[in-house]
Amino acid sequence: MKLGASPYLDALCGDYLLGTLRGAARARFARACADEPVVALRLQHWQQLFTPQPSEAFRMQPAPRTWQRIAHDLELRRYRQPWFARVGLWRGWALTATAVLTVWLGVSLIDRAPAPPVMHPIATLASMAGAAPVVASLSGDGRWLQLVPARPVVAASTQSYELWLLPPDGSAPVSVAVLGELAAQLQVPDALRGRLQTGAKLAVSVEPAGGSPTGAPTGPVILVGAINAG
């Protein structure tokens, strides 16, 4: 599933800007920004919201001694305005109020961000060929599936990994997702919710870029593991 369609897109943008999104997840988000205009525009929205404007961030004031000498030479004292008419005073109050409002808004948005789903391991996908094992975990509501490999595994530019559900009755494999790497968190297709149960298996095959052209595994199956959802 593309990140642009994820309900957690705003939370991911926040984690990315705060630097709490690390490793493979951060690399995947950076790729999504390059490949998915929706993700890039949403990140730009949050950057503009929280980044001070350069005109204010880098405004420089003369040293007090320099200003006093200029004021004395130009006899500016006679033009001094009463305190309630000074633009600088209200500008300072406006900047302070804006900063407070921005912080409050940011905290409010973070507080309202949906909590990440709690994942429960259901299978370990392994191979006799030496491929890195992958732990598959399912959220409590069955909507999210997470894959965590023992080490980073990224497909070649001309290939993709495809995750399959192998039904317990031996019927044809069903595609779950096409992946560029084996570290992923994806939304379980509606048709497969409730089918990731004990007795079924998960498998990963190597396919051409974009996934199997036939709807069934065409390349080597490099990982397989039985589901134990108990």
C-alpha atoms as a PDB file:
ATOM      1  CA  MET A   1       0.000   0.000   0.000  1.00  0.00           C
ATOM      2  CA  LYS A   2       1.262   3.470  -0.852  1.00  0.00           C
ATOM      3  CA  LEU A   3       1.987   5.766   2.087  1.00  0.00           C
ATOM      4  CA  GLY A   4      -0.171   8.465   0.511  1.00  0.00           C
ATOM      5  CA  ALA A   5      -3.258   6.374   1.324  1.00  0.00           C
ATOM      6  CA  SER A   6      -2.200   5.542   4.885  1.00  0.00           C
ATOM      7  CA  PRO A   7      -4.320   6.937   7.752  1.00  0.00           C
ATOM      8  CA  TYR A   8      -1.036   7.456   9.629  1.00  0.00           C
ATOM      9  CA  LEU A   9       0.467   9.813   7.014  1.00  0.00           C
ATOM     10  CA  ASP A  10       0.297  12.927   9.257  1.00  0.00           C
ATOM     11  CA  ALA A  11       1.844  11.034  12.188  1.00  0.00           C
ATOM     12  CA  LEU A  12       4.632   9.756   9.912  1.00  0.00           C
ATOM     13  CA  CYS A  13       5.289  13.312   8.684  1.00  0.00           C
ATOM     14  CA  GLY A  14       5.596  14.442  12.306  1.00  0.00           C
ATOM     15  CA  ASP A  15       7.977  11.594  13.187  1.00  0.00           C
ATOM     16  CA  TYR A  16      10.070  12.382  10.093  1.00  0.00           C
ATOM     17  CA  LEU A  17      10.362  16.095  10.936  1.00  0.00           C
ATOM     18  CA  LEU A  18      11.121  15.385  14.610  1.00  0.00           C
ATOM     19  CA  GLY A  19      13.783  12.826  13.681  1.00  0.00           C
ATOM     20  CA  THR A  20      12.099   9.948  15.533  1.00  0.00           C
ATOM     21  CA  LEU A  21      11.550   8.012  12.283  1.00  0.00           C
ATOM     22  CA  ARG A  22      14.787   6.108  11.777  1.00  0.00           C
ATOM     23  CA  GLY A  23      16.435   3.347   9.789  1.00  0.00           C
ATOM     24  CA  ALA A  24      14.535   1.519   7.073  1.00  0.00           C
ATOM     25  CA  ALA A  25      11.275   3.293   7.953  1.00  0.00           C
ATOM     26  CA  ARG A  26      12.887   6.716   7.397  1.00  0.00           C
ATOM     27  CA  ALA A  27      14.455   5.537   4.128  1.00  0.00           C
ATOM     28  CA  ARG A  28      11.081   4.221   2.937  1.00  0.00           C
ATOM     29  CA  PHE A  29       9.389   7.524   3.820  1.00  0.00           C
ATOM     30  CA  ALA A  30      12.079   9.446   1.895  1.00  0.00           C
ATOM     31  CA  ARG A  31      11.464   7.244  -1.143  1.00  0.00           C
ATOM     32  CA  ALA A  32       7.731   7.823  -0.824  1.00  0.00           C
ATOM     33  CA  CYS A  33       8.336  11.595  -0.845  1.00  0.00           C
ATOM     34  CA  ALA A  34      10.184  11.179  -4.155  1.00  0.00           C
ATOM     35  CA  ASP A  35       7.665   8.771  -5.708  1.00  0.00           C
ATOM     36  CA  GLU A  36       4.329   9.910  -4.274  1.00  0.00           C
ATOM     37  CA  PRO A  37       3.327  13.584  -4.751  1.00  0.00           C
ATOM     38  CA  VAL A  38       0.663  13.270  -2.037  1.00  0.00           C
ATOM     39  CA  VAL A  39       3.308  12.370   0.576  1.00  0.00           C
ATOM     40  CA  ALA A  40       5.661  15.149  -0.560  1.00  0.00           C
ATOM     41  CA  LEU A  41       2.905  17.785  -0.455  1.00  0.00           C
ATOM     42  CA  ARG A  42       1.742  16.681   2.997  1.00  0.00           C
ATOM     43  CA  LEU A  43       5.304  16.841   4.379  1.00  0.00           C
ATOM     44  CA  GLN A  44       5.738  20.297   2.810  1.00  0.00           C
ATOM     45  CA  HIS A  45       2.509  21.412   4.530  1.00  0.00           C
ATOM     46  CA  TRP A  46       3.852  20.448   7.965  1.00  0.00           C
ATOM     47  CA  GLN A  47       7.275  21.961   7.240  1.00  0.00           C
ATOM     48  CA  GLN A  48       5.675  25.295   6.332  1.00  0.00           C
ATOM     49  CA  LEU A  49       3.465  25.146   9.419  1.00  0.00           C
ATOM     50  CA  PHE A  50       6.269  24.674  11.921  1.00  0.00           C
ATOM     51  CA  THR A  51       9.253  26.356  10.200  1.00  0.00           C
ATOM     52  CA  PRO A  52       9.740  30.064  11.091  1.00  0.00           C
ATOM     53  CA  GLN A  53       9.847  32.459   8.162  1.00  0.00           C
ATOM     54  CA  PRO A  54      13.464  33.477   7.348  1.00  0.00           C
ATOM     55  CA  SER A  55      12.583  37.178   7.547  1.00  0.00           C
ATOM     56  CA  GLU A  56      11.781  36.756  11.238  1.00  0.00           C
ATOM     57  CA  ALA A  57      14.181  33.935  12.086  1.00  0.00           C
ATOM     58  CA  PHE A  58      17.257  35.795  10.854  1.00  0.00           C
ATOM     59  CA  ARG A  59      16.283  39.410  11.590  1.00  0.00           C
ATOM     60  CA  MET A  60      19.289  41.237  13.053  1.00  0.00           C
ATOM     61  CA  GLN A  61      19.205  44.212  15.404  1.00  0.00           C
ATOM     62  CA  PRO A  62      22.087  46.679  15.848  1.00  0.00           C
ATOM     63  CA  ALA A  63      24.063  46.531  19.071  1.00  0.00           C
ATOM     64  CA  PRO A  64      22.572  48.752  21.827  1.00  0.00           C
ATOM     65  CA  ARG A  65      25.625  51.050  21.804  1.00  0.00           C
ATOM     66  CA  THR A  66      25.363  51.534  18.025  1.00  0.00           C
ATOM     67  CA  TRP A  67      21.655  52.316  18.249  1.00  0.00           C
ATOM     68  CA  GLN A  68      22.193  54.805  21.067  1.00  0.00           C
ATOM     69  CA  ARG A  69      24.826  56.655  19.037  1.00  0.00           C
ATOM     70  CA  ILE A  70      22.538  56.808  15.980  1.00  0.00           C
ATOM     71  CA  ALA A  71      19.623  58.039  18.091  1.00  0.00           C
ATOM     72  CA  HIS A  72      21.815  60.737  19.665  1.00  0.00           C
ATOM     73  CA  ASP A  73      23.241  61.921  16.339  1.00  0.00           C
ATOM     74  CA  LEU A  74      19.800  62.156  14.724  1.00  0.00           C
ATOM     75  CA  GLU A  75      18.090  63.551  17.826  1.00  0.00           C
ATOM     76  CA  LEU A  76      15.468  60.864  17.638  1.00  0.00           C
ATOM     77  CA  ARG A  77      14.331  61.438  21.196  1.00  0.00           C
ATOM     78  CA  ARG A  78      12.034  64.259  20.114  1.00  0.00           C
ATOM     79  CA  TYR A  79      10.208  61.846  17.806  1.00  0.00           C
ATOM     80  CA  ARG A  80       9.781  59.192  20.464  1.00  0.00           C
ATOM     81  CA  GLN A  81       6.240  57.787  20.516  1.00  0.00           C
ATOM     82  CA  PRO A  82       4.303  56.943  23.666  1.00  0.00           C
ATOM     83  CA  TRP A  83       4.635  53.320  24.741  1.00  0.00           C
ATOM     84  CA  PHE A  84       1.128  52.381  23.539  1.00  0.00           C
ATOM     85  CA  ALA A  85       1.846  53.617  19.986  1.00  0.00           C
ATOM     86  CA  ARG A  86       5.111  51.772  19.453  1.00  0.00           C
ATOM     87  CA  VAL A  87       4.979  49.261  16.601  1.00  0.00           C
ATOM     88  CA  GLY A  88       7.855  47.240  18.024  1.00  0.00           C
ATOM     89  CA  LEU A  89       5.975  46.600  21.242  1.00  0.00           C
ATOM     90  CA  TRP A  90       2.950  45.176  19.440  1.00  0.00           C
ATOM     91  CA  ARG A  91       5.163  43.256  17.031  1.00  0.00           C
ATOM     92  CA  GLY A  92       6.872  41.621  19.995  1.00  0.00           C
ATOM     93  CA  TRP A  93       3.544  40.707  21.530  1.00  0.00           C
ATOM     94  CA  ALA A  94       2.321  39.378  18.160  1.00  0.00           C
ATOM     95  CA  LEU A  95       5.433  37.210  17.687  1.00  0.00           C
ATOM     96  CA  THR A  96       5.161  35.861  21.226  1.00  0.00           C
ATOM     97  CA  ALA A  97       1.473  35.067  20.793  1.00  0.00           C
ATOM     98  CA  THR A  98       2.161  33.396  17.431  1.00  0.00           C
ATOM     99  CA  ALA A  99       4.898  31.242  18.940  1.00  0.00           C
ATOM    100  CA  VAL A 100       2.670  30.187  21.835  1.00  0.00           C
ATOM    101  CA  LEU A 101      -0.194  29.389  19.448  1.00  0.00           C
ATOM    102  CA  THR A 102       2.112  27.347  17.185  1.00  0.00           C
ATOM    103  CA  VAL A 103       3.412  25.281  20.107  1.00  0.00           C
ATOM    104  CA  TRP A 104      -0.119  24.738  21.419  1.00  0.00           C
ATOM    105  CA  LEU A 105      -1.358  23.696  17.978  1.00  0.00           C
ATOM    106  CA  GLY A 106       1.559  21.291  17.523  1.00  0.00           C
ATOM    107  CA  VAL A 107       0.975  19.675  20.923  1.00  0.00           C
ATOM    108  CA  SER A 108      -2.753  19.392  20.207  1.00  0.00           C
ATOM    109  CA  LEU A 109      -2.154  17.714  16.854  1.00  0.00           C
ATOM    110  CA  ILE A 110       0.354  15.286  18.349  1.00  0.00           C
ATOM    111  CA  ASP A 111      -2.057  14.436  21.165  1.00  0.00           C
ATOM    112  CA  ARG A 112      -4.820  13.726  18.641  1.00  0.00           C
ATOM    113  CA  ALA A 113      -2.620  11.602  16.344  1.00  0.00           C
ATOM    114  CA  PRO A 114      -3.845   7.997  16.289  1.00  0.00           C
ATOM    115  CA  ALA A 115      -1.785   5.604  18.377  1.00  0.00           C
ATOM    116  CA  PRO A 116       0.213   3.074  16.356  1.00  0.00           C
ATOM    117  CA  PRO A 117      -1.412  -0.367  16.251  1.00  0.00           C
ATOM    118  CA  VAL A 118      -0.251  -3.004  18.748  1.00  0.00           C
ATOM    119  CA  MET A 119       1.346  -5.823  16.771  1.00  0.00           C
ATOM    120  CA  HIS A 120       1.353  -9.539  17.717  1.00  0.00           C
ATOM    121  CA  PRO A 121       3.828 -11.995  16.102  1.00  0.00           C
ATOM    122  CA  ILE A 122       2.014 -14.672  14.080  1.00  0.00           C
ATOM    123  CA  ALA A 123       4.751 -16.300  11.960  1.00  0.00           C
ATOM    124  CA  THR A 124       8.477 -16.538  11.313  1.00  0.00           C
ATOM    125  CA  LEU A 125       9.312 -16.844   7.634  1.00  0.00           C
ATOM    126  CA  ALA A 126      12.544 -18.754   7.078  1.00  0.00           C
ATOM    127  CA  SER A 127      14.498 -20.443   4.278  1.00  0.00           C
ATOM    128  CA  MET A 128      16.990 -23.275   3.984  1.00  0.00           C
ATOM    129  CA  ALA A 129      18.848 -21.172   1.380  1.00  0.00           C
ATOM    130  CA  GLY A 130      20.208 -18.749   3.955  1.00  0.00           C
ATOM    131  CA  ALA A 131      17.839 -15.810   3.417  1.00  0.00           C
ATOM    132  CA  ALA A 132      17.339 -13.597   6.457  1.00  0.00           C
ATOM    133  CA  PRO A 133      14.339 -14.788   8.516  1.00  0.00           C
ATOM    134  CA  VAL A 134      11.407 -12.400   8.713  1.00  0.00           C
ATOM    135  CA  VAL A 135       9.002 -12.059  11.652  1.00  0.00           C
ATOM    136  CA  ALA A 136       5.414 -11.328  10.590  1.00  0.00           C
ATOM    137  CA  SER A 137       3.145  -9.588  13.112  1.00  0.00           C
ATOM    138  CA  LEU A 138      -0.556  -8.775  12.909  1.00  0.00           C
ATOM    139  CA  SER A 139      -2.412  -5.942  14.653  1.00  0.00           C
ATOM    140  CA  GLY A 140      -5.089  -6.841  17.167  1.00  0.00           C
ATOM    141  CA  ASP A 141      -7.854  -5.713  14.796  1.00  0.00           C
ATOM    142  CA  GLY A 142      -6.390  -7.692  11.893  1.00  0.00           C
ATOM    143  CA  ARG A 143      -6.005  -4.579   9.706  1.00  0.00           C
ATOM    144  CA  TRP A 144      -2.207  -4.178   9.715  1.00  0.00           C
ATOM    145  CA  LEU A 145       0.587  -6.625   8.934  1.00  0.00           C
ATOM    146  CA  GLN A 146       4.199  -5.874   9.806  1.00  0.00           C
ATOM    147  CA  LEU A 147       7.319  -7.586   8.446  1.00  0.00           C
ATOM    148  CA  VAL A 148      10.609  -7.276  10.339  1.00  0.00           C
ATOM    149  CA  PRO A 149      13.639  -9.019   8.772  1.00  0.00           C
ATOM    150  CA  ALA A 150      16.691 -10.084  10.773  1.00  0.00           C
ATOM    151  CA  ARG A 151      18.744  -7.815   8.496  1.00  0.00           C
ATOM    152  CA  PRO A 152      17.824  -5.360   5.716  1.00  0.00           C
ATOM    153  CA  VAL A 153      16.700  -7.122   2.523  1.00  0.00           C
ATOM    154  CA  VAL A 154      16.080  -4.899  -0.512  1.00  0.00           C
ATOM    155  CA  ALA A 155      14.995  -6.088  -3.969  1.00  0.00           C
ATOM    156  CA  ALA A 156      17.076  -5.346  -7.058  1.00  0.00           C
ATOM    157  CA  SER A 157      15.858  -2.556  -9.332  1.00  0.00           C
ATOM    158  CA  THR A 158      14.411  -5.070 -11.811  1.00  0.00           C
ATOM    159  CA  GLN A 159      12.721  -7.203  -9.148  1.00  0.00           C
ATOM    160  CA  SER A 160      10.086  -7.066  -6.442  1.00  0.00           C
ATOM    161  CA  TYR A 161       9.247  -9.275  -3.503  1.00  0.00           C
ATOM    162  CA  GLU A 162       5.679 -10.541  -3.343  1.00  0.00           C
ATOM    163  CA  LEU A 163       4.040 -11.714  -0.137  1.00  0.00           C
ATOM    164  CA  TRP A 164       1.552 -14.586  -0.494  1.00  0.00           C
ATOM    165  CA  LEU A 165      -1.047 -16.216   1.716  1.00  0.00           C
ATOM    166  CA  LEU A 166      -1.095 -20.003   1.338  1.00  0.00           C
ATOM    167  CA  PRO A 167      -4.586 -21.172   2.402  1.00  0.00           C
ATOM    168  CA  PRO A 168      -4.767 -24.218   4.715  1.00  0.00           C
ATOM    169  CA  ASP A 169      -6.930 -26.141   2.215  1.00  0.00           C
ATOM    170  CA  GLY A 170      -4.123 -26.163  -0.352  1.00  0.00           C
ATOM    171  CA  SER A 171      -5.900 -23.865  -2.801  1.00  0.00           C
ATOM    172  CA  ALA A 172      -4.037 -21.325  -4.960  1.00  0.00           C
ATOM    173  CA  PRO A 173      -1.820 -18.746  -3.219  1.00  0.00           C
ATOM    174  CA  VAL A 174      -3.326 -15.289  -2.761  1.00  0.00           C
ATOM    175  CA  SER A 175      -1.206 -12.153  -3.180  1.00  0.00           C
ATOM    176  CA  VAL A 176      -1.036  -9.975  -0.068  1.00  0.00           C
ATOM    177  CA  ALA A 177       1.380  -7.239  -1.186  1.00  0.00           C
ATOM    178  CA  VAL A 178       4.206  -6.360  -3.579  1.00  0.00           C
ATOM    179  CA  LEU A 179       7.263  -5.073  -1.722  1.00  0.00           C
ATOM    180  CA  GLY A 180      10.508  -3.339  -2.565  1.00  0.00           C
ATOM    181  CA  GLU A 181      12.053  -4.507   0.704  1.00  0.00           C
ATOM    182  CA  LEU A 182      11.159  -6.978   3.414  1.00  0.00           C
ATOM    183  CA  ALA A 183      10.893  -4.369   6.178  1.00  0.00           C
ATOM    184  CA  ALA A 184       7.351  -3.125   5.821  1.00  0.00           C
ATOM    185  CA  GLN A 185       4.081  -2.319   7.546  1.00  0.00           C
ATOM    186  CA  LEU A 186       1.101  -2.718   5.257  1.00  0.00           C
ATOM    187  CA  GLN A 187      -2.665  -2.714   5.385  1.00  0.00           C
ATOM    188  CA  VAL A 188      -4.226  -6.146   5.029  1.00  0.00           C
ATOM    189  CA  PRO A 189      -6.520  -6.240   1.967  1.00  0.00           C
ATOM    190  CA  ASP A 190     -10.197  -6.335   2.921  1.00  0.00           C
ATOM    191  CA  ALA A 191     -10.653  -9.713   1.240  1.00  0.00           C
ATOM    192  CA  LEU A 192      -7.940 -11.279   3.417  1.00  0.00           C
ATOM    193  CA  ARG A 193      -8.945  -9.954   6.825  1.00  0.00           C
ATOM    194  CA  GLY A 194      -9.731 -12.874   9.060  1.00  0.00           C
ATOM    195  CA  ARG A 195      -7.854 -15.326   6.822  1.00  0.00           C
ATOM    196  CA  LEU A 196      -4.435 -14.900   8.459  1.00  0.00           C
ATOM    197  CA  GLN A 197      -5.231 -17.720  10.876  1.00  0.00           C
ATOM    198  CA  THR A 198      -3.518 -20.790  12.277  1.00  0.00           C
ATOM    199  CA  GLY A 199      -3.149 -23.425   9.588  1.00  0.00           C
ATOM    200  CA  ALA A 200      -2.403 -20.995   6.771  1.00  0.00           C
ATOM    201  CA  LYS A 201       1.114 -19.978   5.712  1.00  0.00           C
ATOM    202  CA  LEU A 202       2.880 -16.864   4.494  1.00  0.00           C
ATOM    203  CA  ALA A 203       5.479 -17.023   1.732  1.00  0.00           C
ATOM    204  CA  VAL A 204       7.695 -14.572  -0.158  1.00  0.00           C
ATOM    205  CA  SER A 205       8.688 -15.015  -3.804  1.00  0.00           C
ATOM    206  CA  VAL A 206      11.005 -13.058  -6.082  1.00  0.00           C
ATOM    207  CA  GLU A 207       9.050 -11.539  -8.977  1.00  0.00           C
ATOM    208  CA  PRO A 208       9.634  -9.058 -11.810  1.00  0.00           C
ATOM    209  CA  ALA A 209       9.407  -5.396 -10.836  1.00  0.00           C
ATOM    210  CA  GLY A 210       5.781  -4.618 -10.021  1.00  0.00           C
ATOM    211  CA  GLY A 211       4.865  -8.135  -8.967  1.00  0.00           C
ATOM    212  CA  SER A 212       3.791 -11.398 -10.554  1.00  0.00           C
ATOM    213  CA  PRO A 213       2.355 -10.941 -14.058  1.00  0.00           C
ATOM    214  CA  THR A 214       0.148 -14.029 -13.692  1.00  0.00           C
ATOM    215  CA  GLY A 215      -1.416 -13.648 -10.241  1.00  0.00           C
ATOM    216  CA  ALA A 216       0.566 -16.645  -8.992  1.00  0.00           C
ATOM    217  CA  PRO A 217       4.215 -17.041  -7.903  1.00  0.00           C
ATOM    218  CA  THR A 218       6.479 -17.147 -10.964  1.00  0.00           C
ATOM    219  CA  GLY A 219       9.881 -16.774  -9.316  1.00  0.00           C
ATOM    220  CA  PRO A 220      11.666 -18.670  -6.554  1.00  0.00           C
ATOM    221  CA  VAL A 221       9.995 -18.790  -3.140  1.00  0.00           C
ATOM    222  CA  ILE A 222      12.697 -17.623  -0.755  1.00  0.00           C
ATOM    223  CA  LEU A 223      10.771 -17.579   2.539  1.00  0.00           C
ATOM    224  CA  VAL A 224       7.861 -19.475   4.015  1.00  0.00           C
ATOM    225  CA  GLY A 225       6.385 -19.782   7.507  1.00  0.00           C
ATOM    226  CA  ALA A 226       3.314 -21.261   9.145  1.00  0.00           C
ATOM    227  CA  ILE A 227       0.879 -18.889  10.856  1.00  0.00           C
ATOM    228  CA  ASN A 228       0.262 -19.437  14.540  1.00  0.00           C
ATOM    229  CA  ALA A 229      -2.288 -16.826  15.481  1.00  0.00           C
ATOM    230  CA  GLY A 230      -3.172 -18.360  18.807  1.00  0.00           C
END
